[in-house]
Protein backbone atom coordinates (compact mmCIF):
# COMPACT_ATOMS: atom_id res chain seq x y z
CA MET A 1 -5.19 16.34 -11.08
CA ASP A 2 -4.82 16.21 -7.19
CA LYS A 3 -1.58 15.30 -5.34
CA LEU A 4 -2.49 11.45 -4.93
CA ASN A 5 -3.02 10.99 -8.48
CA THR A 6 -0.43 12.74 -9.73
CA TYR A 7 1.88 10.74 -7.39
CA ARG A 8 0.26 7.70 -8.94
CA GLN A 9 1.10 8.83 -12.13
CA TYR A 10 4.60 9.63 -11.43
CA VAL A 11 5.34 6.25 -9.71
CA ARG A 12 3.83 4.50 -12.48
CA GLN A 13 5.93 6.36 -15.31
CA THR A 14 9.02 5.81 -13.53
CA LEU A 15 8.52 1.81 -13.06
CA GLU A 16 7.35 1.69 -16.58
CA LYS A 17 10.58 3.28 -17.82
CA TYR A 18 12.46 0.81 -15.88
CA ALA A 19 10.57 -1.87 -17.19
CA GLN A 20 11.91 -1.33 -20.76
CA TYR A 21 15.05 -2.36 -19.95
CA LYS A 22 15.89 -5.83 -20.68
CA PRO A 23 18.49 -7.53 -18.39
CA SER A 24 21.48 -8.60 -20.25
CA ILE A 25 21.63 -12.25 -18.44
CA GLY A 26 19.60 -15.39 -19.86
CA GLU A 27 16.12 -15.39 -20.10
CA VAL A 28 14.72 -12.78 -17.58
CA ASP A 29 11.88 -10.75 -18.09
CA MET A 30 10.59 -7.46 -16.08
CA GLU A 31 7.02 -7.63 -14.60
CA LEU A 32 5.33 -4.57 -13.49
CA LEU A 33 2.79 -5.10 -10.72
CA PHE A 34 0.20 -2.32 -10.06
CA ASP A 35 -2.50 -2.21 -7.38
CA SER A 36 -3.84 1.24 -7.61
CA GLU A 37 -6.56 0.48 -4.94
CA ARG A 38 -4.07 0.21 -2.31
CA ASP A 39 -1.49 1.92 -4.03
CA ARG A 40 1.31 -0.66 -3.96
CA TYR A 41 3.60 -0.68 -7.14
CA GLN A 42 6.65 -3.01 -7.76
CA LEU A 43 8.72 -4.22 -10.83
CA MET A 44 10.17 -7.55 -10.36
CA MET A 45 12.78 -9.47 -12.38
CA VAL A 46 11.51 -13.00 -13.26
CA GLY A 47 13.30 -15.71 -15.07
CA TRP A 48 16.37 -18.08 -15.29
CA ASN A 49 20.21 -17.51 -16.32
CA ASP A 50 21.38 -20.94 -17.40
CA TYR A 51 20.66 -22.55 -14.11
CA GLN A 52 20.16 -19.68 -11.99
CA ARG A 53 16.25 -18.40 -11.02
CA TYR A 54 15.81 -15.00 -10.92
CA HIS A 55 12.98 -13.72 -8.81
CA GLY A 56 12.99 -10.66 -7.19
CA SER A 57 11.91 -7.06 -6.77
CA LEU A 58 13.74 -4.30 -8.19
CA LEU A 59 11.59 -1.55 -7.28
CA HIS A 60 8.82 -1.57 -4.79
CA VAL A 61 6.93 1.73 -4.00
CA ASP A 62 3.91 2.18 -1.69
CA ILE A 63 1.92 5.48 -1.31
CA ILE A 64 1.03 5.72 2.44
CA ASN A 65 -0.68 8.81 4.01
CA GLY A 66 0.01 10.61 0.85
CA GLN A 67 4.06 10.11 0.58
CA ILE A 68 5.65 8.10 -1.38
CA TRP A 69 7.42 5.25 0.25
CA ILE A 70 10.36 3.78 -1.37
CA GLN A 71 10.36 0.13 0.40
CA HIS A 72 13.11 -1.37 -2.38
CA ASP A 73 15.25 0.23 -4.84
CA GLY A 74 17.53 -1.60 -6.99
CA THR A 75 18.65 0.95 -9.12
CA GLU A 76 22.06 2.56 -9.61
CA GLY A 77 20.91 6.14 -9.30
CA GLY A 78 17.77 6.07 -7.25
CA ILE A 79 14.20 6.66 -8.01
CA ALA A 80 14.03 9.28 -5.11
CA ASN A 81 16.02 11.57 -7.53
CA GLU A 82 14.11 10.88 -10.50
CA LEU A 83 10.55 11.68 -8.32
CA LEU A 84 12.68 15.07 -7.09
CA GLU A 85 13.04 15.87 -10.80
CA LEU A 86 9.22 15.28 -11.47
CA GLY A 87 8.79 17.79 -8.67
CA VAL A 88 7.96 15.50 -5.76
CA PRO A 89 9.09 17.50 -2.71
CA LYS A 90 11.28 15.47 -0.43
CA GLN A 91 9.28 15.75 2.53
CA ASP A 92 6.99 13.78 0.45
CA ILE A 93 9.43 10.72 -0.42
CA VAL A 94 10.15 8.30 2.26
CA LEU A 95 13.41 5.89 2.17
CA ALA A 96 11.48 2.98 3.63
CA PHE A 97 14.72 0.89 3.26
CA HIS A 98 16.49 2.78 5.71
CA VAL A 99 15.90 2.07 9.46
CA PRO A 100 13.57 4.08 10.93
CA TYR A 101 16.11 5.70 13.24
CA LYS A 102 18.39 6.88 10.72
CA ARG A 103 15.31 8.44 8.32
CA PRO A 104 16.09 11.69 10.06
CA TYR A 105 19.61 12.34 8.40
CA THR A 106 18.70 11.20 4.71
CA GLY A 107 17.14 14.80 4.35
CA PHE A 108 13.89 13.05 3.31
CA ALA A 109 10.56 12.29 5.08
CA THR A 110 10.78 9.72 8.12
CA GLY A 111 7.55 8.62 7.53
CA GLU A 112 6.36 9.41 10.94
CA ILE A 113 2.55 11.28 11.12
CA ILE A 114 2.86 14.54 12.75
CA GLU A 115 -0.23 15.47 14.66
CA GLN A 116 -1.06 18.70 14.32
CA LYS A 117 -2.33 20.85 17.32
CA ALA A 118 -5.10 22.87 17.43
CA ALA A 119 -4.42 26.47 18.43
């Protein structure tokens, strides 16, 4: 399996794992949104707790230029760690929720496209 399809599988299985957890508040459901054509993946929390509406992203991951971009991570442990355990190298994970000028200090990819010069 090529790298892109492997990363798609890893992202899907990670989000599917979190989707199995039932929030302990009210009538809140977990909804998976997968757009494999555009490589956009989200796990949403949708529902009500008494009179309070819940509608928001728990996890939002994109695959851009062969890298996994974590746009939002509302988990306690961080899905970047789970992706590392699956074998995704740090240089292929962008912590996109960090402002770009701080990304070089995260130890993960920055998301910048580096042009290779011909020798």
